[in-house]
Amino acid sequence: QESESQSSSDSILWLKDGCYLASYGIGEFNLDFNEFYQSVLNFITSVQKGDNFRLWQNEEKETYISAMVNKAIDIHSGEK
């Protein structure tokens, strides 16, 4: 839902099956997080094994996603 205070230039981020569509200002781009995230998980899993790994994995997933989205927005914003 869109509130009356939102403008058409607000940033919007959609997620579906690990793929993001980010819309900001006059730009828009897709970001597929699946391959990168699996790569990171494979590396971490090979180094860190323990009882609480799955809990940590679930908690950190959002951090990795946010960092990638922010970096992609920075890159695409510089292309204007």
PDB file of N, CA and C in Angstrom:
ATOM      1  N   GLN A   1       0.837  -1.184   0.000  1.00  0.00           N
ATOM      2  CA  GLN A   1       0.000   0.000   0.000  1.00  0.00           C
ATOM      3  C   GLN A   1       0.875   1.237   0.000  1.00  0.00           C
ATOM      4  N   GLU A   2       0.385   2.253  -0.648  1.00  0.00           N
ATOM      5  CA  GLU A   2       1.136   3.495  -0.720  1.00  0.00           C
ATOM      6  C   GLU A   2       0.395   4.557   0.067  1.00  0.00           C
ATOM      7  N   SER A   3       1.107   5.228   0.968  1.00  0.00           N
ATOM      8  CA  SER A   3       0.468   6.272   1.758  1.00  0.00           C
ATOM      9  C   SER A   3       0.473   7.569   0.964  1.00  0.00           C
ATOM     10  N   GLU A   4      -0.353   8.507   1.404  1.00  0.00           N
ATOM     11  CA  GLU A   4      -0.452   9.782   0.704  1.00  0.00           C
ATOM     12  C   GLU A   4       0.849  10.563   0.776  1.00  0.00           C
ATOM     13  N   SER A   5       1.666  10.316   1.819  1.00  0.00           N
ATOM     14  CA  SER A   5       2.905  11.068   1.983  1.00  0.00           C
ATOM     15  C   SER A   5       4.036  10.546   1.097  1.00  0.00           C
ATOM     16  N   GLN A   6       3.861   9.373   0.482  1.00  0.00           N
ATOM     17  CA  GLN A   6       4.910   8.831  -0.376  1.00  0.00           C
ATOM     18  C   GLN A   6       4.868   9.500  -1.740  1.00  0.00           C
ATOM     19  N   SER A   7       6.048   9.742  -2.291  1.00  0.00           N
ATOM     20  CA  SER A   7       6.102  10.305  -3.635  1.00  0.00           C
ATOM     21  C   SER A   7       6.580   9.239  -4.605  1.00  0.00           C
ATOM     22  N   SER A   8       6.463   9.526  -5.888  1.00  0.00           N
ATOM     23  CA  SER A   8       6.873   8.545  -6.892  1.00  0.00           C
ATOM     24  C   SER A   8       8.387   8.376  -6.939  1.00  0.00           C
ATOM     25  N   SER A   9       9.139   9.257  -6.270  1.00  0.00           N
ATOM     26  CA  SER A   9      10.597   9.150  -6.286  1.00  0.00           C
ATOM     27  C   SER A   9      11.139   8.353  -5.101  1.00  0.00           C
ATOM     28  N   ASP A  10      10.274   7.850  -4.228  1.00  0.00           N
ATOM     29  CA  ASP A  10      10.731   7.035  -3.103  1.00  0.00           C
ATOM     30  C   ASP A  10      11.397   5.764  -3.606  1.00  0.00           C
ATOM     31  N   SER A  11      12.354   5.261  -2.827  1.00  0.00           N
ATOM     32  CA  SER A  11      12.997   3.996  -3.176  1.00  0.00           C
ATOM     33  C   SER A  11      12.078   2.842  -2.808  1.00  0.00           C
ATOM     34  N   ILE A  12      11.994   1.856  -3.683  1.00  0.00           N
ATOM     35  CA  ILE A  12      11.155   0.682  -3.451  1.00  0.00           C
ATOM     36  C   ILE A  12      12.002  -0.548  -3.720  1.00  0.00           C
ATOM     37  N   LEU A  13      11.896  -1.540  -2.856  1.00  0.00           N
ATOM     38  CA  LEU A  13      12.653  -2.769  -3.026  1.00  0.00           C
ATOM     39  C   LEU A  13      11.705  -3.944  -2.922  1.00  0.00           C
ATOM     40  N   TRP A  14      11.687  -4.786  -3.948  1.00  0.00           N
ATOM     41  CA  TRP A  14      10.850  -5.980  -3.965  1.00  0.00           C
ATOM     42  C   TRP A  14      11.741  -7.203  -3.936  1.00  0.00           C
ATOM     43  N   LEU A  15      11.313  -8.248  -3.258  1.00  0.00           N
ATOM     44  CA  LEU A  15      12.049  -9.509  -3.213  1.00  0.00           C
ATOM     45  C   LEU A  15      11.138 -10.640  -3.653  1.00  0.00           C
ATOM     46  N   LYS A  16      11.643 -11.471  -4.553  1.00  0.00           N
ATOM     47  CA  LYS A  16      10.920 -12.674  -4.942  1.00  0.00           C
ATOM     48  C   LYS A  16      11.945 -13.742  -5.281  1.00  0.00           C
ATOM     49  N   ASP A  17      11.919 -14.842  -4.557  1.00  0.00           N
ATOM     50  CA  ASP A  17      12.818 -15.973  -4.793  1.00  0.00           C
ATOM     51  C   ASP A  17      14.286 -15.569  -4.810  1.00  0.00           C
ATOM     52  N   GLY A  18      14.682 -14.683  -3.909  1.00  0.00           N
ATOM     53  CA  GLY A  18      16.082 -14.285  -3.820  1.00  0.00           C
ATOM     54  C   GLY A  18      16.516 -13.251  -4.835  1.00  0.00           C
ATOM     55  N   CYS A  19      15.597 -12.760  -5.666  1.00  0.00           N
ATOM     56  CA  CYS A  19      15.914 -11.725  -6.648  1.00  0.00           C
ATOM     57  C   CYS A  19      15.231 -10.435  -6.217  1.00  0.00           C
ATOM     58  N   TYR A  20      15.964  -9.357  -6.296  1.00  0.00           N
ATOM     59  CA  TYR A  20      15.444  -8.068  -5.868  1.00  0.00           C
ATOM     60  C   TYR A  20      15.242  -7.160  -7.068  1.00  0.00           C
ATOM     61  N   LEU A  21      14.222  -6.352  -7.006  1.00  0.00           N
ATOM     62  CA  LEU A  21      14.020  -5.285  -7.969  1.00  0.00           C
ATOM     63  C   LEU A  21      14.018  -4.002  -7.161  1.00  0.00           C
ATOM     64  N   ALA A  22      14.996  -3.159  -7.395  1.00  0.00           N
ATOM     65  CA  ALA A  22      15.087  -1.900  -6.668  1.00  0.00           C
ATOM     66  C   ALA A  22      14.717  -0.768  -7.610  1.00  0.00           C
ATOM     67  N   SER A  23      13.795   0.068  -7.180  1.00  0.00           N
ATOM     68  CA  SER A  23      13.411   1.248  -7.940  1.00  0.00           C
ATOM     69  C   SER A  23      13.722   2.459  -7.080  1.00  0.00           C
ATOM     70  N   TYR A  24      14.403   3.428  -7.656  1.00  0.00           N
ATOM     71  CA  TYR A  24      14.761   4.624  -6.912  1.00  0.00           C
ATOM     72  C   TYR A  24      14.800   5.787  -7.887  1.00  0.00           C
ATOM     73  N   GLY A  25      14.241   6.906  -7.488  1.00  0.00           N
ATOM     74  CA  GLY A  25      14.237   8.065  -8.365  1.00  0.00           C
ATOM     75  C   GLY A  25      13.799   7.696  -9.764  1.00  0.00           C
ATOM     76  N   ILE A  26      14.697   7.899 -10.723  1.00  0.00           N
ATOM     77  CA  ILE A  26      14.382   7.563 -12.112  1.00  0.00           C
ATOM     78  C   ILE A  26      15.027   6.254 -12.543  1.00  0.00           C
ATOM     79  N   GLY A  27      15.691   5.559 -11.622  1.00  0.00           N
ATOM     80  CA  GLY A  27      16.391   4.329 -11.975  1.00  0.00           C
ATOM     81  C   GLY A  27      15.703   3.083 -11.467  1.00  0.00           C
ATOM     82  N   GLU A  28      16.130   1.951 -12.021  1.00  0.00           N
ATOM     83  CA  GLU A  28      15.596   0.657 -11.609  1.00  0.00           C
ATOM     84  C   GLU A  28      16.614  -0.403 -12.006  1.00  0.00           C
ATOM     85  N   PHE A  29      16.822  -1.413 -11.155  1.00  0.00           N
ATOM     86  CA  PHE A  29      17.723  -2.497 -11.510  1.00  0.00           C
ATOM     87  C   PHE A  29      17.337  -3.761 -10.770  1.00  0.00           C
ATOM     88  N   ASN A  30      17.783  -4.893 -11.294  1.00  0.00           N
ATOM     89  CA  ASN A  30      17.550  -6.198 -10.674  1.00  0.00           C
ATOM     90  C   ASN A  30      18.834  -6.672 -10.017  1.00  0.00           C
ATOM     91  N   LEU A  31      18.705  -7.388  -8.921  1.00  0.00           N
ATOM     92  CA  LEU A  31      19.844  -7.934  -8.199  1.00  0.00           C
ATOM     93  C   LEU A  31      19.497  -9.351  -7.779  1.00  0.00           C
ATOM     94  N   ASP A  32      20.233 -10.324  -8.314  1.00  0.00           N
ATOM     95  CA  ASP A  32      20.009 -11.728  -7.961  1.00  0.00           C
ATOM     96  C   ASP A  32      20.980 -12.096  -6.851  1.00  0.00           C
ATOM     97  N   PHE A  33      20.451 -12.306  -5.674  1.00  0.00           N
ATOM     98  CA  PHE A  33      21.249 -12.542  -4.486  1.00  0.00           C
ATOM     99  C   PHE A  33      21.578 -14.013  -4.285  1.00  0.00           C
ATOM    100  N   ASN A  34      20.886 -14.910  -4.946  1.00  0.00           N
ATOM    101  CA  ASN A  34      21.011 -16.347  -4.683  1.00  0.00           C
ATOM    102  C   ASN A  34      22.434 -16.875  -4.828  1.00  0.00           C
ATOM    103  N   GLU A  35      23.086 -16.604  -5.945  1.00  0.00           N
ATOM    104  CA  GLU A  35      24.420 -17.154  -6.202  1.00  0.00           C
ATOM    105  C   GLU A  35      25.449 -16.615  -5.211  1.00  0.00           C
ATOM    106  N   PHE A  36      25.429 -15.305  -4.978  1.00  0.00           N
ATOM    107  CA  PHE A  36      26.375 -14.706  -4.041  1.00  0.00           C
ATOM    108  C   PHE A  36      26.180 -15.265  -2.634  1.00  0.00           C
ATOM    109  N   TYR A  37      24.951 -15.309  -2.187  1.00  0.00           N
ATOM    110  CA  TYR A  37      24.663 -15.779  -0.832  1.00  0.00           C
ATOM    111  C   TYR A  37      25.093 -17.230  -0.657  1.00  0.00           C
ATOM    112  N   GLN A  38      24.845 -18.071  -1.636  1.00  0.00           N
ATOM    113  CA  GLN A  38      25.242 -19.475  -1.542  1.00  0.00           C
ATOM    114  C   GLN A  38      26.759 -19.601  -1.485  1.00  0.00           C
ATOM    115  N   SER A  39      27.449 -18.774  -2.226  1.00  0.00           N
ATOM    116  CA  SER A  39      28.906 -18.761  -2.222  1.00  0.00           C
ATOM    117  C   SER A  39      29.447 -18.392  -0.843  1.00  0.00           C
ATOM    118  N   VAL A  40      28.877 -17.355  -0.254  1.00  0.00           N
ATOM    119  CA  VAL A  40      29.284 -16.934   1.091  1.00  0.00           C
ATOM    120  C   VAL A  40      29.006 -18.044   2.094  1.00  0.00           C
ATOM    121  N   LEU A  41      27.835 -18.634   2.012  1.00  0.00           N
ATOM    122  CA  LEU A  41      27.476 -19.716   2.943  1.00  0.00           C
ATOM    123  C   LEU A  41      28.403 -20.913   2.816  1.00  0.00           C
ATOM    124  N   ASN A  42      28.754 -21.283   1.604  1.00  0.00           N
ATOM    125  CA  ASN A  42      29.661 -22.413   1.407  1.00  0.00           C
ATOM    126  C   ASN A  42      31.006 -22.158   2.070  1.00  0.00           C
ATOM    127  N   PHE A  43      31.518 -20.942   1.915  1.00  0.00           N
ATOM    128  CA  PHE A  43      32.797 -20.600   2.534  1.00  0.00           C
ATOM    129  C   PHE A  43      32.699 -20.631   4.056  1.00  0.00           C
ATOM    130  N   ILE A  44      31.679 -19.971   4.597  1.00  0.00           N
ATOM    131  CA  ILE A  44      31.525 -19.904   6.053  1.00  0.00           C
ATOM    132  C   ILE A  44      31.298 -21.293   6.637  1.00  0.00           C
ATOM    133  N   THR A  45      30.494 -22.090   5.978  1.00  0.00           N
ATOM    134  CA  THR A  45      30.214 -23.443   6.462  1.00  0.00           C
ATOM    135  C   THR A  45      31.483 -24.288   6.487  1.00  0.00           C
ATOM    136  N   SER A  46      32.365 -24.090   5.525  1.00  0.00           N
ATOM    137  CA  SER A  46      33.601 -24.871   5.493  1.00  0.00           C
ATOM    138  C   SER A  46      34.534 -24.498   6.641  1.00  0.00           C
ATOM    139  N   VAL A  47      34.423 -23.279   7.143  1.00  0.00           N
ATOM    140  CA  VAL A  47      35.293 -22.806   8.218  1.00  0.00           C
ATOM    141  C   VAL A  47      34.632 -22.955   9.586  1.00  0.00           C
ATOM    142  N   GLN A  48      33.377 -22.599   9.677  1.00  0.00           N
ATOM    143  CA  GLN A  48      32.666 -22.538  10.960  1.00  0.00           C
ATOM    144  C   GLN A  48      31.607 -23.625  11.044  1.00  0.00           C
ATOM    145  N   LYS A  49      31.798 -24.537  11.958  1.00  0.00           N
ATOM    146  CA  LYS A  49      30.788 -25.573  12.172  1.00  0.00           C
ATOM    147  C   LYS A  49      30.462 -25.602  13.657  1.00  0.00           C
ATOM    148  N   GLY A  50      29.199 -25.610  13.970  1.00  0.00           N
ATOM    149  CA  GLY A  50      28.808 -25.637  15.370  1.00  0.00           C
ATOM    150  C   GLY A  50      27.310 -25.739  15.514  1.00  0.00           C
ATOM    151  N   ASP A  51      26.887 -25.912  16.755  1.00  0.00           N
ATOM    152  CA  ASP A  51      25.465 -26.090  17.048  1.00  0.00           C
ATOM    153  C   ASP A  51      24.625 -24.874  16.684  1.00  0.00           C
ATOM    154  N   ASN A  52      25.191 -23.699  16.820  1.00  0.00           N
ATOM    155  CA  ASN A  52      24.412 -22.477  16.608  1.00  0.00           C
ATOM    156  C   ASN A  52      24.591 -21.882  15.214  1.00  0.00           C
ATOM    157  N   PHE A  53      25.225 -22.620  14.312  1.00  0.00           N
ATOM    158  CA  PHE A  53      25.494 -22.066  12.987  1.00  0.00           C
ATOM    159  C   PHE A  53      24.214 -21.713  12.233  1.00  0.00           C
ATOM    160  N   ARG A  54      23.218 -22.577  12.253  1.00  0.00           N
ATOM    161  CA  ARG A  54      21.966 -22.312  11.513  1.00  0.00           C
ATOM    162  C   ARG A  54      21.254 -21.075  12.058  1.00  0.00           C
ATOM    163  N   LEU A  55      21.275 -20.897  13.370  1.00  0.00           N
ATOM    164  CA  LEU A  55      20.678 -19.703  13.967  1.00  0.00           C
ATOM    165  C   LEU A  55      21.418 -18.461  13.482  1.00  0.00           C
ATOM    166  N   TRP A  56      22.741 -18.511  13.536  1.00  0.00           N
ATOM    167  CA  TRP A  56      23.551 -17.385  13.072  1.00  0.00           C
ATOM    168  C   TRP A  56      23.279 -17.109  11.597  1.00  0.00           C
ATOM    169  N   GLN A  57      23.196 -18.169  10.796  1.00  0.00           N
ATOM    170  CA  GLN A  57      22.951 -18.037   9.359  1.00  0.00           C
ATOM    171  C   GLN A  57      21.659 -17.272   9.096  1.00  0.00           C
ATOM    172  N   ASN A  58      20.601 -17.633   9.777  1.00  0.00           N
ATOM    173  CA  ASN A  58      19.316 -16.961   9.575  1.00  0.00           C
ATOM    174  C   ASN A  58      19.362 -15.507  10.013  1.00  0.00           C
ATOM    175  N   GLU A  59      20.078 -15.234  11.098  1.00  0.00           N
ATOM    176  CA  GLU A  59      20.164 -13.861  11.590  1.00  0.00           C
ATOM    177  C   GLU A  59      21.003 -12.977  10.672  1.00  0.00           C
ATOM    178  N   GLU A  60      22.036 -13.536  10.069  1.00  0.00           N
ATOM    179  CA  GLU A  60      22.946 -12.749   9.242  1.00  0.00           C
ATOM    180  C   GLU A  60      22.493 -12.589   7.798  1.00  0.00           C
ATOM    181  N   LYS A  61      21.567 -13.389   7.354  1.00  0.00           N
ATOM    182  CA  LYS A  61      21.131 -13.322   5.954  1.00  0.00           C
ATOM    183  C   LYS A  61      20.657 -11.918   5.591  1.00  0.00           C
ATOM    184  N   GLU A  62      19.878 -11.316   6.463  1.00  0.00           N
ATOM    185  CA  GLU A  62      19.362  -9.979   6.185  1.00  0.00           C
ATOM    186  C   GLU A  62      20.491  -8.953   6.102  1.00  0.00           C
ATOM    187  N   THR A  63      21.529  -9.131   6.924  1.00  0.00           N
ATOM    188  CA  THR A  63      22.667  -8.218   6.890  1.00  0.00           C
ATOM    189  C   THR A  63      23.364  -8.270   5.536  1.00  0.00           C
ATOM    190  N   TYR A  64      23.615  -9.474   5.028  1.00  0.00           N
ATOM    191  CA  TYR A  64      24.258  -9.617   3.721  1.00  0.00           C
ATOM    192  C   TYR A  64      23.394  -9.034   2.614  1.00  0.00           C
ATOM    193  N   ILE A  65      22.107  -9.303   2.670  1.00  0.00           N
ATOM    194  CA  ILE A  65      21.197  -8.788   1.647  1.00  0.00           C
ATOM    195  C   ILE A  65      21.208  -7.262   1.652  1.00  0.00           C
ATOM    196  N   SER A  66      21.101  -6.663   2.828  1.00  0.00           N
ATOM    197  CA  SER A  66      21.084  -5.202   2.935  1.00  0.00           C
ATOM    198  C   SER A  66      22.365  -4.585   2.394  1.00  0.00           C
ATOM    199  N   ALA A  67      23.498  -5.189   2.721  1.00  0.00           N
ATOM    200  CA  ALA A  67      24.780  -4.667   2.243  1.00  0.00           C
ATOM    201  C   ALA A  67      24.862  -4.721   0.720  1.00  0.00           C
ATOM    202  N   MET A  68      24.425  -5.816   0.132  1.00  0.00           N
ATOM    203  CA  MET A  68      24.466  -5.935  -1.331  1.00  0.00           C
ATOM    204  C   MET A  68      23.535  -4.937  -2.007  1.00  0.00           C
ATOM    205  N   VAL A  69      22.344  -4.785  -1.462  1.00  0.00           N
ATOM    206  CA  VAL A  69      21.382  -3.848  -2.045  1.00  0.00           C
ATOM    207  C   VAL A  69      21.922  -2.427  -1.959  1.00  0.00           C
ATOM    208  N   ASN A  70      22.459  -2.045  -0.800  1.00  0.00           N
ATOM    209  CA  ASN A  70      23.005  -0.695  -0.642  1.00  0.00           C
ATOM    210  C   ASN A  70      24.162  -0.442  -1.604  1.00  0.00           C
ATOM    211  N   LYS A  71      25.045  -1.422  -1.766  1.00  0.00           N
ATOM    212  CA  LYS A  71      26.174  -1.279  -2.690  1.00  0.00           C
ATOM    213  C   LYS A  71      25.672  -1.141  -4.127  1.00  0.00           C
ATOM    214  N   ALA A  72      24.704  -1.947  -4.508  1.00  0.00           N
ATOM    215  CA  ALA A  72      24.165  -1.874  -5.867  1.00  0.00           C
ATOM    216  C   ALA A  72      23.495  -0.529  -6.125  1.00  0.00           C
ATOM    217  N   ILE A  73      22.773  -0.015  -5.143  1.00  0.00           N
ATOM    218  CA  ILE A  73      22.140   1.304  -5.296  1.00  0.00           C
ATOM    219  C   ILE A  73      23.208   2.372  -5.461  1.00  0.00           C
ATOM    220  N   ASP A  74      24.289   2.299  -4.661  1.00  0.00           N
ATOM    221  CA  ASP A  74      25.382   3.264  -4.794  1.00  0.00           C
ATOM    222  C   ASP A  74      25.982   3.226  -6.196  1.00  0.00           C
ATOM    223  N   ILE A  75      26.219   2.017  -6.706  1.00  0.00           N
ATOM    224  CA  ILE A  75      26.807   1.863  -8.037  1.00  0.00           C
ATOM    225  C   ILE A  75      25.873   2.428  -9.103  1.00  0.00           C
ATOM    226  N   HIS A  76      24.596   2.063  -9.036  1.00  0.00           N
ATOM    227  CA  HIS A  76      23.643   2.515 -10.049  1.00  0.00           C
ATOM    228  C   HIS A  76      23.345   4.005  -9.930  1.00  0.00           C
ATOM    229  N   SER A  77      23.407   4.556  -8.732  1.00  0.00           N
ATOM    230  CA  SER A  77      23.183   5.994  -8.556  1.00  0.00           C
ATOM    231  C   SER A  77      24.295   6.794  -9.224  1.00  0.00           C
ATOM    232  N   GLY A  78      25.507   6.249  -9.215  1.00  0.00           N
ATOM    233  CA  GLY A  78      26.641   6.918  -9.836  1.00  0.00           C
ATOM    234  C   GLY A  78      26.609   6.888 -11.349  1.00  0.00           C
ATOM    235  N   GLU A  79      25.752   6.077 -11.934  1.00  0.00           N
ATOM    236  CA  GLU A  79      25.668   5.950 -13.393  1.00  0.00           C
ATOM    237  C   GLU A  79      24.747   6.979 -14.027  1.00  0.00           C
ATOM    238  N   LYS A  80      24.064   7.779 -13.232  1.00  0.00           N
ATOM    239  CA  LYS A  80      23.097   8.751 -13.774  1.00  0.00           C
ATOM    240  C   LYS A  80      23.770   9.767 -14.658  1.00  0.00           C
TER     241      LYS A  80
END
